[in-house]
Amino acid sequence: MLWRKNNGIAALALLVAALTLAGCGFRPLYGEQANSPATTQYMAAVEIAPIPERIGQELQNHLRVRLNPRGAPASTRYRLQTRLNEIRTDLAIRDDASATLANLQLIANYTLHDAASNDVLYKGQSRFTASYNLVRSQFANLVAEDDARSRAVEAISDDMRVRLGIYFDRQAKAAN
């Protein structure tokens, strides 16, 4: 009997929380708004400026797919400039002064410009830290570091897409 009473109270609390969130204008971060037709059109008009080095090329390719999965922008209205910084930190030092764990932190500072006037419309920063084990094999360490770098690039491109989607969603709502 007590179990049923607690379930009823929990269900009522969940209902009140859901209604409260709906009333305050709460929207899920990864909801339909980031994929609305207006937001998709804005993101399709973004030209991604070249990002130096191999890791920059990977990020540029990921962004191209995430911002405009249908192909090249028909008309460029925005330009996205990105600067990448990579920091590697060795952790878990052994007695012989060699590390057994490393963190690879990737930081992307980016700026969205109006293509016509070159005015800065939005600035952001995305960062991700990927950890990987270090072993005695140099080749295995290079492969692990490359994998950590790839995971970081993918996470950063996802984060940048979400942040730009929120920006463009606000622009679309302001235009209406």
N, C-alpha and C. Protein backbone atom coordinates (compact mmCIF):
# COMPACT_ATOMS: atom_id res chain seq x y z
N MET A 1 0.82 -1.18 0.00
CA MET A 1 0.00 0.00 0.00
C MET A 1 0.87 1.26 0.00
N LEU A 2 1.93 1.25 0.82
CA LEU A 2 2.84 2.39 0.88
C LEU A 2 3.55 2.59 -0.46
N TRP A 3 3.86 1.47 -1.14
CA TRP A 3 4.55 1.52 -2.43
C TRP A 3 3.68 2.26 -3.46
N ARG A 4 2.39 1.97 -3.50
CA ARG A 4 1.48 2.63 -4.44
C ARG A 4 1.37 4.12 -4.14
N LYS A 5 1.36 4.48 -2.88
CA LYS A 5 1.26 5.88 -2.50
C LYS A 5 2.51 6.65 -2.95
N ASN A 6 3.69 6.04 -2.77
CA ASN A 6 4.94 6.68 -3.19
C ASN A 6 5.00 6.82 -4.71
N ASN A 7 4.51 5.83 -5.45
CA ASN A 7 4.49 5.93 -6.91
C ASN A 7 3.56 7.05 -7.37
N GLY A 8 2.45 7.20 -6.71
CA GLY A 8 1.51 8.27 -7.05
C GLY A 8 2.12 9.64 -6.80
N ILE A 9 2.82 9.78 -5.70
CA ILE A 9 3.48 11.06 -5.38
C ILE A 9 4.58 11.34 -6.38
N ALA A 10 5.35 10.32 -6.75
CA ALA A 10 6.43 10.50 -7.73
C ALA A 10 5.86 10.89 -9.08
N ALA A 11 4.77 10.26 -9.49
CA ALA A 11 4.15 10.60 -10.78
C ALA A 11 3.61 12.03 -10.76
N LEU A 12 3.01 12.42 -9.66
CA LEU A 12 2.49 13.79 -9.54
C LEU A 12 3.63 14.80 -9.58
N ALA A 13 4.74 14.51 -8.90
CA ALA A 13 5.90 15.40 -8.91
C ALA A 13 6.48 15.52 -10.31
N LEU A 14 6.54 14.43 -11.03
CA LEU A 14 7.04 14.44 -12.40
C LEU A 14 6.14 15.27 -13.31
N LEU A 15 4.85 15.15 -13.14
CA LEU A 15 3.89 15.93 -13.93
C LEU A 15 4.02 17.41 -13.65
N VAL A 16 4.15 17.78 -12.37
CA VAL A 16 4.32 19.19 -12.00
C VAL A 16 5.61 19.75 -12.58
N ALA A 17 6.70 18.97 -12.52
CA ALA A 17 7.98 19.42 -13.08
C ALA A 17 7.87 19.62 -14.58
N ALA A 18 7.21 18.71 -15.28
CA ALA A 18 7.07 18.84 -16.73
C ALA A 18 6.24 20.06 -17.09
N LEU A 19 5.16 20.31 -16.37
CA LEU A 19 4.34 21.48 -16.65
C LEU A 19 5.07 22.78 -16.33
N THR A 20 5.87 22.77 -15.27
CA THR A 20 6.65 23.95 -14.92
C THR A 20 7.66 24.28 -16.01
N LEU A 21 8.38 23.27 -16.50
CA LEU A 21 9.36 23.49 -17.56
C LEU A 21 8.69 23.95 -18.85
N ALA A 22 7.54 23.39 -19.16
CA ALA A 22 6.84 23.80 -20.39
C ALA A 22 6.37 25.24 -20.29
N GLY A 23 5.99 25.67 -19.11
CA GLY A 23 5.49 27.03 -18.93
C GLY A 23 6.57 28.09 -18.96
N CYS A 24 7.80 27.73 -18.67
CA CYS A 24 8.88 28.73 -18.62
C CYS A 24 9.58 28.91 -19.95
N GLY A 25 9.14 28.20 -20.98
CA GLY A 25 9.77 28.35 -22.29
C GLY A 25 10.94 27.43 -22.50
N PHE A 26 11.10 26.43 -21.65
CA PHE A 26 12.20 25.47 -21.79
C PHE A 26 12.07 24.72 -23.10
N ARG A 27 13.20 24.60 -23.81
CA ARG A 27 13.27 23.80 -25.03
C ARG A 27 14.50 22.93 -24.95
N PRO A 28 14.39 21.67 -25.34
CA PRO A 28 15.58 20.82 -25.31
C PRO A 28 16.66 21.35 -26.25
N LEU A 29 17.91 21.25 -25.83
CA LEU A 29 19.03 21.77 -26.62
C LEU A 29 19.16 21.07 -27.96
N TYR A 30 18.90 19.77 -28.00
CA TYR A 30 19.05 19.01 -29.23
C TYR A 30 17.70 18.73 -29.89
N GLY A 31 16.71 19.53 -29.62
CA GLY A 31 15.37 19.29 -30.14
C GLY A 31 15.21 19.70 -31.59
N GLU A 32 13.96 19.84 -32.00
CA GLU A 32 13.64 20.13 -33.38
C GLU A 32 14.10 21.52 -33.82
N GLN A 33 14.29 22.45 -32.89
CA GLN A 33 14.63 23.82 -33.25
C GLN A 33 15.94 23.88 -34.04
N ALA A 34 16.91 23.04 -33.68
CA ALA A 34 18.19 23.06 -34.39
C ALA A 34 18.05 22.53 -35.80
N ASN A 35 16.96 21.83 -36.09
CA ASN A 35 16.74 21.28 -37.41
C ASN A 35 15.56 21.95 -38.13
N SER A 36 15.11 23.08 -37.63
CA SER A 36 13.99 23.76 -38.28
C SER A 36 14.43 24.22 -39.67
N PRO A 37 13.47 24.38 -40.60
CA PRO A 37 13.84 24.79 -41.95
C PRO A 37 14.59 26.12 -41.99
N ALA A 38 14.20 27.08 -41.16
CA ALA A 38 14.88 28.38 -41.17
C ALA A 38 16.32 28.24 -40.69
N THR A 39 16.52 27.49 -39.62
CA THR A 39 17.87 27.28 -39.09
C THR A 39 18.73 26.53 -40.10
N THR A 40 18.17 25.54 -40.74
CA THR A 40 18.90 24.77 -41.75
C THR A 40 19.31 25.66 -42.92
N GLN A 41 18.44 26.57 -43.33
CA GLN A 41 18.79 27.49 -44.42
C GLN A 41 19.92 28.43 -44.02
N TYR A 42 19.87 28.94 -42.79
CA TYR A 42 20.95 29.81 -42.31
C TYR A 42 22.28 29.05 -42.31
N MET A 43 22.26 27.83 -41.77
CA MET A 43 23.51 27.06 -41.67
C MET A 43 24.03 26.66 -43.05
N ALA A 44 23.14 26.45 -43.99
CA ALA A 44 23.57 26.09 -45.35
C ALA A 44 24.26 27.26 -46.05
N ALA A 45 24.07 28.47 -45.55
CA ALA A 45 24.67 29.65 -46.16
C ALA A 45 26.02 30.02 -45.53
N VAL A 46 26.57 29.12 -44.71
CA VAL A 46 27.85 29.37 -44.04
C VAL A 46 29.00 28.80 -44.87
N GLU A 47 29.95 29.66 -45.18
CA GLU A 47 31.19 29.22 -45.82
C GLU A 47 32.21 28.99 -44.71
N ILE A 48 32.84 27.84 -44.71
CA ILE A 48 33.82 27.52 -43.67
C ILE A 48 35.20 27.85 -44.21
N ALA A 49 35.84 28.83 -43.60
CA ALA A 49 37.18 29.24 -44.02
C ALA A 49 38.16 28.10 -43.74
N PRO A 50 39.19 27.95 -44.58
CA PRO A 50 40.18 26.89 -44.36
C PRO A 50 40.82 27.00 -42.97
N ILE A 51 40.99 25.84 -42.34
CA ILE A 51 41.61 25.77 -41.02
C ILE A 51 42.96 25.09 -41.22
N PRO A 52 44.06 25.71 -40.75
CA PRO A 52 45.40 25.16 -41.01
C PRO A 52 45.63 23.77 -40.40
N GLU A 53 46.54 23.04 -41.02
CA GLU A 53 47.05 21.74 -40.59
C GLU A 53 46.02 20.64 -40.80
N ARG A 54 46.48 19.42 -40.65
CA ARG A 54 45.65 18.26 -40.91
C ARG A 54 44.43 18.20 -40.00
N ILE A 55 44.64 18.48 -38.73
CA ILE A 55 43.52 18.44 -37.79
C ILE A 55 42.47 19.50 -38.14
N GLY A 56 42.92 20.63 -38.65
CA GLY A 56 42.00 21.67 -39.11
C GLY A 56 41.19 21.21 -40.31
N GLN A 57 41.84 20.47 -41.21
CA GLN A 57 41.11 19.92 -42.36
C GLN A 57 40.03 18.94 -41.91
N GLU A 58 40.36 18.13 -40.91
CA GLU A 58 39.36 17.19 -40.38
C GLU A 58 38.17 17.94 -39.79
N LEU A 59 38.46 18.99 -39.00
CA LEU A 59 37.37 19.76 -38.41
C LEU A 59 36.55 20.44 -39.51
N GLN A 60 37.20 20.98 -40.50
CA GLN A 60 36.50 21.64 -41.60
C GLN A 60 35.57 20.65 -42.31
N ASN A 61 36.03 19.44 -42.55
CA ASN A 61 35.19 18.43 -43.20
C ASN A 61 33.99 18.05 -42.33
N HIS A 62 34.23 17.86 -41.04
CA HIS A 62 33.12 17.54 -40.14
C HIS A 62 32.10 18.68 -40.12
N LEU A 63 32.58 19.92 -40.04
CA LEU A 63 31.66 21.06 -40.01
C LEU A 63 30.87 21.16 -41.31
N ARG A 64 31.54 20.92 -42.42
CA ARG A 64 30.86 21.00 -43.72
C ARG A 64 29.68 20.03 -43.75
N VAL A 65 29.88 18.83 -43.25
CA VAL A 65 28.81 17.82 -43.24
C VAL A 65 27.73 18.20 -42.24
N ARG A 66 28.10 18.71 -41.08
CA ARG A 66 27.11 19.02 -40.05
C ARG A 66 26.30 20.28 -40.36
N LEU A 67 26.93 21.29 -40.93
CA LEU A 67 26.22 22.53 -41.21
C LEU A 67 25.40 22.46 -42.49
N ASN A 68 25.89 21.76 -43.49
CA ASN A 68 25.19 21.68 -44.76
C ASN A 68 25.32 20.28 -45.35
N PRO A 69 24.54 19.33 -44.84
CA PRO A 69 24.67 17.96 -45.32
C PRO A 69 24.27 17.77 -46.78
N ARG A 70 23.60 18.76 -47.37
CA ARG A 70 23.17 18.63 -48.77
C ARG A 70 24.22 19.08 -49.76
N GLY A 71 25.31 19.65 -49.30
CA GLY A 71 26.37 20.06 -50.22
C GLY A 71 26.83 21.48 -49.99
N ALA A 72 27.46 22.06 -50.99
CA ALA A 72 28.01 23.42 -50.89
C ALA A 72 26.89 24.45 -50.78
N PRO A 73 27.14 25.55 -50.08
CA PRO A 73 26.10 26.58 -49.95
C PRO A 73 25.78 27.20 -51.31
N ALA A 74 24.48 27.43 -51.54
CA ALA A 74 24.04 28.04 -52.79
C ALA A 74 24.50 29.50 -52.85
N SER A 75 24.28 30.22 -51.78
CA SER A 75 24.75 31.60 -51.71
C SER A 75 25.34 31.81 -50.32
N THR A 76 26.56 32.28 -50.29
CA THR A 76 27.26 32.47 -49.02
C THR A 76 26.82 33.77 -48.38
N ARG A 77 26.24 33.67 -47.18
CA ARG A 77 25.85 34.85 -46.42
C ARG A 77 26.73 35.04 -45.19
N TYR A 78 27.38 33.94 -44.77
CA TYR A 78 28.20 33.96 -43.55
C TYR A 78 29.52 33.26 -43.82
N ARG A 79 30.53 33.64 -43.02
CA ARG A 79 31.84 33.00 -43.10
C ARG A 79 32.25 32.62 -41.68
N LEU A 80 32.65 31.38 -41.52
CA LEU A 80 33.06 30.88 -40.21
C LEU A 80 34.57 30.71 -40.20
N GLN A 81 35.23 31.44 -39.32
CA GLN A 81 36.68 31.32 -39.16
C GLN A 81 36.97 30.64 -37.83
N THR A 82 37.88 29.67 -37.88
CA THR A 82 38.17 28.86 -36.70
C THR A 82 39.67 28.78 -36.49
N ARG A 83 40.08 28.88 -35.23
CA ARG A 83 41.48 28.71 -34.84
C ARG A 83 41.53 27.58 -33.81
N LEU A 84 42.39 26.61 -34.06
CA LEU A 84 42.51 25.44 -33.19
C LEU A 84 43.78 25.48 -32.36
N ASN A 85 43.68 25.07 -31.12
CA ASN A 85 44.84 24.89 -30.24
C ASN A 85 44.77 23.48 -29.68
N GLU A 86 45.91 22.83 -29.64
CA GLU A 86 45.98 21.47 -29.11
C GLU A 86 46.98 21.46 -27.96
N ILE A 87 46.57 20.86 -26.84
CA ILE A 87 47.43 20.77 -25.66
C ILE A 87 47.47 19.31 -25.23
N ARG A 88 48.67 18.76 -25.13
CA ARG A 88 48.84 17.39 -24.66
C ARG A 88 49.49 17.43 -23.28
N THR A 89 48.89 16.70 -22.35
CA THR A 89 49.39 16.65 -20.98
C THR A 89 49.59 15.20 -20.59
N ASP A 90 50.81 14.86 -20.14
CA ASP A 90 51.08 13.52 -19.65
C ASP A 90 50.66 13.42 -18.19
N LEU A 91 50.00 12.32 -17.86
CA LEU A 91 49.53 12.07 -16.50
C LEU A 91 50.02 10.71 -16.04
N ALA A 92 49.80 10.39 -14.80
CA ALA A 92 50.13 9.06 -14.23
C ALA A 92 51.57 8.68 -14.55
N ILE A 93 52.50 9.37 -13.93
CA ILE A 93 53.94 9.16 -14.17
C ILE A 93 54.43 7.94 -13.38
N ARG A 94 55.18 7.07 -14.05
CA ARG A 94 55.79 5.89 -13.42
C ARG A 94 57.06 6.27 -12.67
N ASP A 95 57.65 5.30 -12.00
CA ASP A 95 58.91 5.51 -11.28
C ASP A 95 60.05 5.88 -12.23
N ASP A 96 60.00 5.37 -13.46
CA ASP A 96 61.07 5.66 -14.42
C ASP A 96 60.82 6.96 -15.20
N ALA A 97 59.91 7.77 -14.71
CA ALA A 97 59.57 9.09 -15.27
C ALA A 97 58.84 9.01 -16.62
N SER A 98 58.30 7.86 -16.97
CA SER A 98 57.49 7.75 -18.18
C SER A 98 56.00 7.80 -17.79
N ALA A 99 55.20 8.32 -18.68
CA ALA A 99 53.77 8.48 -18.41
C ALA A 99 53.00 7.24 -18.86
N THR A 100 51.87 6.99 -18.22
CA THR A 100 51.01 5.88 -18.61
C THR A 100 49.66 6.36 -19.12
N LEU A 101 49.42 7.65 -19.00
CA LEU A 101 48.14 8.22 -19.43
C LEU A 101 48.40 9.62 -19.95
N ALA A 102 47.66 10.02 -20.97
CA ALA A 102 47.80 11.36 -21.53
C ALA A 102 46.42 11.94 -21.81
N ASN A 103 46.32 13.23 -21.69
CA ASN A 103 45.12 13.97 -22.08
C ASN A 103 45.46 14.82 -23.29
N LEU A 104 44.58 14.80 -24.26
CA LEU A 104 44.72 15.66 -25.42
C LEU A 104 43.54 16.62 -25.40
N GLN A 105 43.82 17.90 -25.20
CA GLN A 105 42.75 18.89 -25.16
C GLN A 105 42.79 19.68 -26.46
N LEU A 106 41.63 19.77 -27.10
CA LEU A 106 41.49 20.53 -28.34
C LEU A 106 40.55 21.69 -28.06
N ILE A 107 40.99 22.89 -28.41
CA ILE A 107 40.20 24.10 -28.18
C ILE A 107 40.00 24.81 -29.51
N ALA A 108 38.75 25.06 -29.84
CA ALA A 108 38.41 25.76 -31.08
C ALA A 108 37.79 27.11 -30.72
N ASN A 109 38.44 28.18 -31.14
CA ASN A 109 37.89 29.52 -31.03
C ASN A 109 37.38 29.89 -32.42
N TYR A 110 36.12 30.26 -32.51
CA TYR A 110 35.55 30.51 -33.83
C TYR A 110 34.75 31.80 -33.84
N THR A 111 34.65 32.38 -35.02
CA THR A 111 33.94 33.63 -35.23
C THR A 111 33.09 33.50 -36.48
N LEU A 112 31.83 33.88 -36.36
CA LEU A 112 30.92 33.91 -37.50
C LEU A 112 30.84 35.35 -38.00
N HIS A 113 31.16 35.54 -39.27
CA HIS A 113 31.16 36.87 -39.88
C HIS A 113 30.04 36.98 -40.90
N ASP A 114 29.53 38.19 -41.07
CA ASP A 114 28.66 38.48 -42.20
C ASP A 114 29.56 38.52 -43.43
N ALA A 115 29.23 37.79 -44.47
CA ALA A 115 30.11 37.69 -45.65
C ALA A 115 30.20 39.01 -46.40
N ALA A 116 29.13 39.79 -46.39
CA ALA A 116 29.13 41.05 -47.16
C ALA A 116 29.90 42.15 -46.44
N SER A 117 29.63 42.32 -45.16
CA SER A 117 30.23 43.45 -44.43
C SER A 117 31.43 43.06 -43.58
N ASN A 118 31.66 41.76 -43.38
CA ASN A 118 32.72 41.23 -42.53
C ASN A 118 32.52 41.56 -41.06
N ASP A 119 31.31 41.98 -40.68
CA ASP A 119 30.99 42.23 -39.28
C ASP A 119 30.96 40.92 -38.50
N VAL A 120 31.42 40.96 -37.26
CA VAL A 120 31.39 39.78 -36.39
C VAL A 120 29.97 39.64 -35.85
N LEU A 121 29.36 38.49 -36.10
CA LEU A 121 27.99 38.23 -35.65
C LEU A 121 27.96 37.38 -34.39
N TYR A 122 28.91 36.48 -34.28
CA TYR A 122 28.91 35.55 -33.15
C TYR A 122 30.33 35.05 -32.92
N LYS A 123 30.70 34.94 -31.64
CA LYS A 123 31.99 34.36 -31.26
C LYS A 123 31.72 33.23 -30.29
N GLY A 124 32.50 32.17 -30.41
CA GLY A 124 32.33 31.05 -29.51
C GLY A 124 33.61 30.29 -29.30
N GLN A 125 33.56 29.42 -28.31
CA GLN A 125 34.69 28.54 -28.03
C GLN A 125 34.15 27.17 -27.67
N SER A 126 34.72 26.15 -28.28
CA SER A 126 34.38 24.77 -27.97
C SER A 126 35.66 24.06 -27.58
N ARG A 127 35.56 23.21 -26.58
CA ARG A 127 36.74 22.47 -26.14
C ARG A 127 36.34 21.06 -25.76
N PHE A 128 37.30 20.17 -25.93
CA PHE A 128 37.07 18.77 -25.59
C PHE A 128 38.40 18.16 -25.16
N THR A 129 38.35 17.33 -24.12
CA THR A 129 39.54 16.63 -23.66
C THR A 129 39.34 15.14 -23.83
N ALA A 130 40.26 14.51 -24.53
CA ALA A 130 40.22 13.06 -24.75
C ALA A 130 41.43 12.45 -24.06
N SER A 131 41.21 11.40 -23.31
CA SER A 131 42.29 10.69 -22.62
C SER A 131 42.64 9.42 -23.38
N TYR A 132 43.89 9.02 -23.27
CA TYR A 132 44.32 7.77 -23.87
C TYR A 132 45.50 7.21 -23.09
N ASN A 133 45.65 5.89 -23.16
CA ASN A 133 46.73 5.20 -22.45
C ASN A 133 48.02 5.26 -23.25
N LEU A 134 49.11 5.35 -22.54
CA LEU A 134 50.44 5.28 -23.14
C LEU A 134 51.06 3.95 -22.76
N VAL A 135 51.60 3.27 -23.76
CA VAL A 135 52.23 1.97 -23.54
C VAL A 135 53.68 2.05 -24.01
N ARG A 136 54.38 0.95 -23.99
CA ARG A 136 55.78 0.95 -24.37
C ARG A 136 55.99 1.00 -25.88
N SER A 137 54.96 0.69 -26.65
CA SER A 137 55.06 0.71 -28.11
C SER A 137 54.80 2.13 -28.65
N GLN A 138 55.77 2.68 -29.33
CA GLN A 138 55.64 4.03 -29.89
C GLN A 138 54.52 4.09 -30.93
N PHE A 139 54.41 3.04 -31.75
CA PHE A 139 53.37 3.00 -32.77
C PHE A 139 51.98 2.99 -32.12
N ALA A 140 51.80 2.19 -31.08
CA ALA A 140 50.51 2.13 -30.38
C ALA A 140 50.17 3.48 -29.77
N ASN A 141 51.17 4.18 -29.27
CA ASN A 141 50.93 5.52 -28.71
C ASN A 141 50.50 6.51 -29.79
N LEU A 142 51.11 6.44 -30.96
CA LEU A 142 50.71 7.32 -32.06
C LEU A 142 49.28 7.05 -32.52
N VAL A 143 48.92 5.77 -32.59
CA VAL A 143 47.56 5.40 -32.99
C VAL A 143 46.56 5.88 -31.94
N ALA A 144 46.88 5.70 -30.66
CA ALA A 144 45.98 6.13 -29.58
C ALA A 144 45.82 7.65 -29.58
N GLU A 145 46.92 8.38 -29.81
CA GLU A 145 46.83 9.84 -29.86
C GLU A 145 46.00 10.30 -31.06
N ASP A 146 46.18 9.65 -32.20
CA ASP A 146 45.40 10.00 -33.38
C ASP A 146 43.91 9.74 -33.16
N ASP A 147 43.59 8.63 -32.49
CA ASP A 147 42.20 8.32 -32.18
C ASP A 147 41.61 9.36 -31.22
N ALA A 148 42.38 9.77 -30.21
CA ALA A 148 41.92 10.80 -29.28
C ALA A 148 41.67 12.11 -30.02
N ARG A 149 42.54 12.45 -30.94
CA ARG A 149 42.38 13.66 -31.74
C ARG A 149 41.11 13.60 -32.59
N SER A 150 40.86 12.45 -33.20
CA SER A 150 39.65 12.28 -34.02
C SER A 150 38.39 12.40 -33.17
N ARG A 151 38.40 11.81 -31.97
CA ARG A 151 37.24 11.93 -31.08
C ARG A 151 37.02 13.38 -30.68
N ALA A 152 38.09 14.10 -30.41
CA ALA A 152 37.97 15.50 -30.02
C ALA A 152 37.42 16.36 -31.16
N VAL A 153 37.88 16.12 -32.37
CA VAL A 153 37.39 16.88 -33.53
C VAL A 153 35.91 16.64 -33.73
N GLU A 154 35.48 15.40 -33.62
CA GLU A 154 34.07 15.08 -33.80
C GLU A 154 33.21 15.75 -32.73
N ALA A 155 33.65 15.70 -31.49
CA ALA A 155 32.89 16.33 -30.40
C ALA A 155 32.82 17.84 -30.57
N ILE A 156 33.92 18.44 -30.97
CA ILE A 156 33.94 19.89 -31.16
C ILE A 156 33.03 20.30 -32.32
N SER A 157 33.04 19.55 -33.41
CA SER A 157 32.18 19.90 -34.53
C SER A 157 30.71 19.78 -34.14
N ASP A 158 30.36 18.78 -33.33
CA ASP A 158 28.99 18.66 -32.85
C ASP A 158 28.61 19.85 -31.97
N ASP A 159 29.51 20.24 -31.08
CA ASP A 159 29.25 21.36 -30.19
C ASP A 159 29.10 22.67 -30.98
N MET A 160 29.96 22.87 -31.96
CA MET A 160 29.87 24.08 -32.77
C MET A 160 28.55 24.12 -33.54
N ARG A 161 28.11 22.99 -34.06
CA ARG A 161 26.85 22.94 -34.78
C ARG A 161 25.68 23.32 -33.86
N VAL A 162 25.68 22.79 -32.65
CA VAL A 162 24.60 23.10 -31.71
C VAL A 162 24.61 24.59 -31.37
N ARG A 163 25.77 25.14 -31.08
CA ARG A 163 25.85 26.56 -30.72
C ARG A 163 25.44 27.47 -31.88
N LEU A 164 25.89 27.13 -33.09
CA LEU A 164 25.48 27.92 -34.25
C LEU A 164 24.00 27.73 -34.53
N GLY A 165 23.48 26.53 -34.30
CA GLY A 165 22.05 26.28 -34.47
C GLY A 165 21.22 27.13 -33.53
N ILE A 166 21.66 27.27 -32.29
CA ILE A 166 20.95 28.12 -31.33
C ILE A 166 21.00 29.57 -31.78
N TYR A 167 22.17 30.03 -32.22
CA TYR A 167 22.30 31.40 -32.71
C TYR A 167 21.35 31.64 -33.89
N PHE A 168 21.38 30.76 -34.88
CA PHE A 168 20.54 30.94 -36.06
C PHE A 168 19.05 30.79 -35.74
N ASP A 169 18.70 29.94 -34.77
CA ASP A 169 17.31 29.81 -34.36
C ASP A 169 16.82 31.13 -33.77
N ARG A 170 17.65 31.77 -32.98
CA ARG A 170 17.29 33.09 -32.42
C ARG A 170 17.15 34.14 -33.51
N GLN A 171 18.02 34.07 -34.51
CA GLN A 171 17.94 35.02 -35.63
C GLN A 171 16.65 34.80 -36.41
N ALA A 172 16.28 33.54 -36.63
CA ALA A 172 15.05 33.24 -37.36
C ALA A 172 13.83 33.73 -36.60
N LYS A 173 13.84 33.57 -35.28
CA LYS A 173 12.71 34.03 -34.47
C LYS A 173 12.63 35.55 -34.45
N ALA A 174 13.78 36.22 -34.43
CA ALA A 174 13.81 37.69 -34.43
C ALA A 174 13.32 38.24 -35.76
N ALA A 175 13.56 37.51 -36.85
CA ALA A 175 13.15 37.97 -38.17
C ALA A 175 11.62 37.84 -38.35
N ASN A 176 11.01 36.95 -37.60
CA ASN A 176 9.55 36.73 -37.73
C ASN A 176 8.75 37.64 -36.87
